[in-house]
N, C-alpha and C. Protein backbone atom coordinates (compact mmCIF):
# COMPACT_ATOMS: atom_id res chain seq x y z
N MET A 1 -20.23 29.45 -4.27
CA MET A 1 -19.01 29.00 -3.72
C MET A 1 -19.10 27.45 -3.47
N SER A 2 -18.03 26.80 -3.75
CA SER A 2 -17.96 25.36 -3.63
C SER A 2 -17.83 24.97 -2.18
N TYR A 3 -18.34 23.84 -1.78
CA TYR A 3 -18.30 23.31 -0.46
C TYR A 3 -16.84 23.02 0.00
N TYR A 4 -15.99 22.55 -0.95
CA TYR A 4 -14.64 22.34 -0.71
C TYR A 4 -13.83 23.29 -1.59
N GLN A 5 -12.69 23.72 -1.07
CA GLN A 5 -11.79 24.52 -1.89
C GLN A 5 -11.20 23.69 -3.03
N ARG A 6 -10.86 22.45 -2.75
CA ARG A 6 -10.36 21.57 -3.74
C ARG A 6 -10.90 20.12 -3.42
N HIS A 7 -11.36 19.49 -4.47
CA HIS A 7 -11.91 18.14 -4.36
C HIS A 7 -11.10 17.21 -5.20
N VAL A 8 -10.47 16.22 -4.63
CA VAL A 8 -9.54 15.41 -5.37
C VAL A 8 -10.07 14.02 -5.47
N PHE A 9 -10.09 13.55 -6.75
CA PHE A 9 -10.55 12.19 -7.10
C PHE A 9 -9.49 11.30 -7.59
N PHE A 10 -9.32 10.14 -6.95
CA PHE A 10 -8.35 9.14 -7.35
C PHE A 10 -9.11 8.02 -8.08
N CYS A 11 -8.63 7.83 -9.38
CA CYS A 11 -9.27 6.69 -10.11
C CYS A 11 -8.84 5.41 -9.44
N CYS A 12 -9.76 4.55 -8.97
CA CYS A 12 -9.48 3.33 -8.43
C CYS A 12 -10.14 2.19 -9.23
N ASN A 13 -10.32 2.44 -10.51
CA ASN A 13 -10.96 1.46 -11.35
C ASN A 13 -10.18 0.18 -11.50
N ALA A 14 -10.89 -0.93 -11.49
CA ALA A 14 -10.27 -2.26 -11.68
C ALA A 14 -10.84 -2.97 -12.96
N ARG A 15 -9.91 -3.25 -13.86
CA ARG A 15 -10.31 -3.97 -15.03
C ARG A 15 -9.66 -5.31 -15.05
N ASP A 16 -10.22 -6.13 -15.92
CA ASP A 16 -9.65 -7.48 -16.17
C ASP A 16 -8.17 -7.31 -16.56
N PRO A 17 -7.25 -8.13 -15.96
CA PRO A 17 -5.84 -8.03 -16.31
C PRO A 17 -5.56 -8.18 -17.74
N SER A 18 -6.34 -8.79 -18.52
CA SER A 18 -6.13 -8.97 -19.96
C SER A 18 -6.49 -7.77 -20.76
N ASP A 19 -7.19 -6.80 -20.18
CA ASP A 19 -7.52 -5.52 -20.86
C ASP A 19 -6.23 -4.75 -21.08
N PRO A 20 -5.94 -4.49 -22.38
CA PRO A 20 -4.72 -3.71 -22.74
C PRO A 20 -4.65 -2.27 -22.19
N ARG A 21 -5.71 -1.75 -21.83
CA ARG A 21 -5.71 -0.37 -21.29
C ARG A 21 -5.13 -0.31 -19.87
N GLY A 22 -5.12 -1.44 -19.24
CA GLY A 22 -4.62 -1.44 -17.84
C GLY A 22 -5.67 -0.82 -16.90
N CYS A 23 -5.30 -0.66 -15.74
CA CYS A 23 -6.20 -0.01 -14.73
C CYS A 23 -5.43 0.65 -13.62
N CYS A 24 -5.97 1.65 -13.03
CA CYS A 24 -5.39 2.38 -11.96
C CYS A 24 -5.27 1.54 -10.73
N ALA A 25 -6.26 0.71 -10.45
CA ALA A 25 -6.22 -0.16 -9.27
C ALA A 25 -4.98 -1.05 -9.23
N ALA A 26 -4.63 -1.59 -10.33
CA ALA A 26 -3.44 -2.43 -10.45
C ALA A 26 -2.17 -1.70 -10.22
N LYS A 27 -2.20 -0.38 -10.24
CA LYS A 27 -1.01 0.47 -10.05
C LYS A 27 -0.97 1.11 -8.70
N GLY A 28 -1.72 0.58 -7.73
CA GLY A 28 -1.63 1.07 -6.37
C GLY A 28 -2.49 2.33 -6.08
N ALA A 29 -3.49 2.60 -6.84
CA ALA A 29 -4.26 3.78 -6.66
C ALA A 29 -5.02 3.90 -5.34
N ALA A 30 -5.61 2.77 -4.86
CA ALA A 30 -6.35 2.81 -3.63
C ALA A 30 -5.43 3.05 -2.44
N GLU A 31 -4.27 2.50 -2.49
CA GLU A 31 -3.27 2.68 -1.44
C GLU A 31 -2.85 4.12 -1.37
N MET A 32 -2.61 4.75 -2.52
CA MET A 32 -2.17 6.12 -2.55
C MET A 32 -3.29 7.05 -2.19
N ARG A 33 -4.58 6.69 -2.52
CA ARG A 33 -5.71 7.48 -2.08
C ARG A 33 -5.77 7.45 -0.55
N ASP A 34 -5.64 6.32 0.03
CA ASP A 34 -5.69 6.22 1.45
C ASP A 34 -4.60 7.07 2.08
N TYR A 35 -3.38 7.02 1.49
CA TYR A 35 -2.25 7.74 2.02
C TYR A 35 -2.51 9.29 1.90
N ALA A 36 -3.05 9.70 0.79
CA ALA A 36 -3.39 11.11 0.57
C ALA A 36 -4.39 11.60 1.58
N LYS A 37 -5.38 10.77 1.72
CA LYS A 37 -6.57 11.14 2.61
C LYS A 37 -6.03 11.34 4.04
N GLN A 38 -5.15 10.43 4.47
CA GLN A 38 -4.61 10.53 5.84
C GLN A 38 -3.67 11.77 5.95
N ARG A 39 -2.80 11.92 4.92
CA ARG A 39 -1.88 13.05 4.94
C ARG A 39 -2.57 14.39 4.97
N VAL A 40 -3.56 14.56 4.18
CA VAL A 40 -4.34 15.80 4.15
C VAL A 40 -4.97 16.06 5.52
N LYS A 41 -5.45 14.98 6.15
CA LYS A 41 -6.09 15.06 7.44
C LYS A 41 -5.01 15.48 8.48
N ASP A 42 -3.85 14.79 8.47
CA ASP A 42 -2.75 15.13 9.39
C ASP A 42 -2.23 16.53 9.26
N LEU A 43 -2.30 17.07 8.07
CA LEU A 43 -1.83 18.47 7.86
C LEU A 43 -2.88 19.52 8.16
N GLY A 44 -4.09 19.06 8.53
CA GLY A 44 -5.15 19.99 8.88
C GLY A 44 -5.81 20.66 7.62
N LEU A 45 -5.67 19.96 6.49
CA LEU A 45 -6.17 20.47 5.22
C LEU A 45 -7.53 19.90 4.95
N ALA A 46 -7.98 18.96 5.63
CA ALA A 46 -9.27 18.24 5.31
C ALA A 46 -10.47 18.98 5.93
N GLY A 47 -11.62 18.88 5.24
CA GLY A 47 -12.86 19.35 5.83
C GLY A 47 -13.52 20.39 4.99
N ALA A 48 -14.69 20.80 5.44
CA ALA A 48 -15.49 21.81 4.76
C ALA A 48 -14.64 23.05 4.51
N GLY A 49 -14.73 23.63 3.30
CA GLY A 49 -14.02 24.76 2.97
C GLY A 49 -12.53 24.53 2.65
N LYS A 50 -12.08 23.28 2.78
CA LYS A 50 -10.75 22.95 2.61
C LYS A 50 -10.66 21.93 1.43
N VAL A 51 -10.06 20.70 1.76
CA VAL A 51 -9.75 19.68 0.79
C VAL A 51 -10.52 18.36 1.15
N ARG A 52 -11.01 17.72 0.10
CA ARG A 52 -11.62 16.47 0.21
C ARG A 52 -10.99 15.46 -0.73
N ILE A 53 -10.65 14.33 -0.24
CA ILE A 53 -10.01 13.23 -1.11
C ILE A 53 -11.10 12.17 -1.21
N ASN A 54 -11.35 11.74 -2.51
CA ASN A 54 -12.29 10.71 -2.76
C ASN A 54 -11.80 9.69 -3.71
N GLN A 55 -12.42 8.57 -3.70
CA GLN A 55 -12.19 7.49 -4.70
C GLN A 55 -13.19 7.73 -5.83
N ALA A 56 -12.72 7.43 -7.02
CA ALA A 56 -13.65 7.52 -8.18
C ALA A 56 -13.58 6.21 -8.88
N GLY A 57 -14.64 5.94 -9.65
CA GLY A 57 -14.65 4.80 -10.57
C GLY A 57 -13.74 5.23 -11.75
N CYS A 58 -13.99 4.58 -12.88
CA CYS A 58 -13.12 4.85 -14.06
C CYS A 58 -13.24 6.35 -14.43
N LEU A 59 -12.05 7.06 -14.60
CA LEU A 59 -12.03 8.40 -15.05
C LEU A 59 -11.58 8.39 -16.50
N ASP A 60 -11.48 7.16 -17.11
CA ASP A 60 -11.21 6.97 -18.57
C ASP A 60 -9.84 7.51 -18.98
N ARG A 61 -8.91 7.46 -18.12
CA ARG A 61 -7.49 7.84 -18.39
C ARG A 61 -6.52 6.84 -17.84
N CYS A 62 -6.94 5.63 -17.67
CA CYS A 62 -6.13 4.59 -17.05
C CYS A 62 -4.83 4.33 -17.83
N GLU A 63 -4.86 4.56 -19.12
CA GLU A 63 -3.60 4.36 -19.91
C GLU A 63 -2.54 5.25 -19.48
N GLN A 64 -2.94 6.36 -18.87
CA GLN A 64 -1.96 7.40 -18.45
C GLN A 64 -1.82 7.35 -16.95
N GLY A 65 -2.40 6.37 -16.28
CA GLY A 65 -2.51 6.31 -14.84
C GLY A 65 -1.35 5.65 -14.20
N PRO A 66 -1.45 5.56 -12.86
CA PRO A 66 -2.68 5.91 -12.12
C PRO A 66 -2.92 7.39 -12.24
N CYS A 67 -4.20 7.75 -12.13
CA CYS A 67 -4.49 9.19 -12.32
C CYS A 67 -5.37 9.71 -11.23
N VAL A 68 -5.26 11.05 -11.02
CA VAL A 68 -5.98 11.76 -10.05
C VAL A 68 -6.30 13.10 -10.68
N VAL A 69 -7.52 13.62 -10.34
CA VAL A 69 -7.89 14.89 -10.83
C VAL A 69 -8.33 15.79 -9.67
N VAL A 70 -7.90 17.08 -9.79
CA VAL A 70 -8.19 18.10 -8.68
C VAL A 70 -9.18 19.04 -9.27
N TYR A 71 -10.33 19.16 -8.63
CA TYR A 71 -11.39 20.10 -8.99
C TYR A 71 -11.48 21.18 -7.91
N PRO A 72 -11.87 22.37 -8.20
CA PRO A 72 -12.43 22.85 -9.44
C PRO A 72 -11.31 23.20 -10.53
N ASP A 73 -10.06 22.98 -10.14
CA ASP A 73 -8.99 23.37 -11.03
C ASP A 73 -8.86 22.57 -12.35
N ALA A 74 -9.55 21.40 -12.31
CA ALA A 74 -9.48 20.50 -13.52
C ALA A 74 -8.07 20.14 -13.98
N VAL A 75 -7.27 19.88 -12.97
CA VAL A 75 -5.87 19.47 -13.24
C VAL A 75 -5.73 17.99 -13.02
N TRP A 76 -5.21 17.35 -14.00
CA TRP A 76 -5.03 15.87 -14.01
C TRP A 76 -3.54 15.51 -13.70
N TYR A 77 -3.36 14.57 -12.81
CA TYR A 77 -2.03 14.16 -12.49
C TYR A 77 -1.87 12.60 -12.62
N THR A 78 -0.58 12.19 -12.80
CA THR A 78 -0.24 10.81 -12.56
C THR A 78 0.76 10.84 -11.48
N PHE A 79 1.04 9.62 -10.89
CA PHE A 79 1.98 9.55 -9.81
C PHE A 79 2.59 8.13 -9.78
N VAL A 80 3.70 8.06 -9.09
CA VAL A 80 4.41 6.80 -8.92
C VAL A 80 4.47 6.30 -7.52
N ASP A 81 4.63 7.20 -6.60
CA ASP A 81 4.87 6.86 -5.17
C ASP A 81 4.40 7.96 -4.22
N ARG A 82 4.63 7.64 -2.93
CA ARG A 82 4.16 8.61 -1.94
C ARG A 82 4.92 10.01 -2.08
N GLY A 83 6.09 10.01 -2.58
CA GLY A 83 6.72 11.28 -2.73
C GLY A 83 6.06 12.16 -3.80
N ASP A 84 5.46 11.52 -4.86
CA ASP A 84 4.64 12.31 -5.77
C ASP A 84 3.40 12.86 -5.13
N ILE A 85 2.78 12.01 -4.32
CA ILE A 85 1.54 12.42 -3.59
C ILE A 85 1.84 13.51 -2.68
N ASP A 86 2.97 13.47 -1.95
CA ASP A 86 3.37 14.52 -1.04
C ASP A 86 3.56 15.87 -1.77
N GLU A 87 4.17 15.74 -3.01
CA GLU A 87 4.42 16.99 -3.79
C GLU A 87 3.13 17.52 -4.26
N ILE A 88 2.18 16.72 -4.69
CA ILE A 88 0.86 17.29 -5.15
C ILE A 88 0.10 17.92 -3.93
N ILE A 89 0.18 17.30 -2.76
CA ILE A 89 -0.47 17.92 -1.58
C ILE A 89 0.20 19.21 -1.25
N GLU A 90 1.55 19.18 -1.11
CA GLU A 90 2.26 20.40 -0.65
C GLU A 90 2.15 21.55 -1.66
N GLU A 91 2.41 21.26 -2.94
CA GLU A 91 2.39 22.34 -3.93
C GLU A 91 0.98 22.73 -4.39
N HIS A 92 0.18 21.76 -4.80
CA HIS A 92 -1.16 22.12 -5.37
C HIS A 92 -2.18 22.36 -4.29
N LEU A 93 -2.36 21.41 -3.38
CA LEU A 93 -3.43 21.53 -2.44
C LEU A 93 -3.16 22.58 -1.31
N ARG A 94 -1.88 22.72 -0.95
CA ARG A 94 -1.59 23.66 0.12
C ARG A 94 -1.24 25.02 -0.49
N HIS A 95 -0.55 25.16 -1.64
CA HIS A 95 -0.08 26.40 -2.12
C HIS A 95 -0.71 26.87 -3.46
N GLY A 96 -1.49 25.96 -4.07
CA GLY A 96 -2.19 26.34 -5.30
C GLY A 96 -1.32 26.39 -6.53
N ARG A 97 -0.14 25.69 -6.48
CA ARG A 97 0.79 25.64 -7.64
C ARG A 97 0.72 24.28 -8.28
N VAL A 98 0.46 24.25 -9.54
CA VAL A 98 0.36 23.01 -10.32
C VAL A 98 1.72 22.34 -10.43
N VAL A 99 1.80 21.07 -10.16
CA VAL A 99 2.97 20.33 -10.29
C VAL A 99 3.14 19.83 -11.74
N GLU A 100 3.80 20.61 -12.54
CA GLU A 100 3.85 20.37 -13.99
C GLU A 100 4.50 18.99 -14.37
N ARG A 101 5.52 18.58 -13.60
CA ARG A 101 6.21 17.27 -13.91
C ARG A 101 5.22 16.09 -13.81
N LEU A 102 4.14 16.21 -13.03
CA LEU A 102 3.23 15.11 -12.82
C LEU A 102 1.96 15.29 -13.61
N ARG A 103 1.78 16.40 -14.27
CA ARG A 103 0.52 16.78 -14.92
C ARG A 103 0.35 15.85 -16.21
N ILE A 104 -0.84 15.36 -16.38
CA ILE A 104 -1.19 14.60 -17.56
C ILE A 104 -1.65 15.62 -18.64
């Protein structure tokens, strides 16, 4: 059994602005990670046996980013704003339903 029910990694990789691949950091990934972490905590979803939100280095999908991956489900998402993060938290993390419109 896994220590967390779901472990969520936000790519917060920062590349040189001239890199054509872009980077998740330049698209607000760290701010959204902080928001998700606090929201999960506020909803009582954080902790052992529940949900963990973490920062990751490059997840090698920055062209499709910003990106986040939920394990052990191996579901990859992109997002634009807090509303998208709220939807991922409510649907996937709380109810186990993949948010297809945000899926990479």
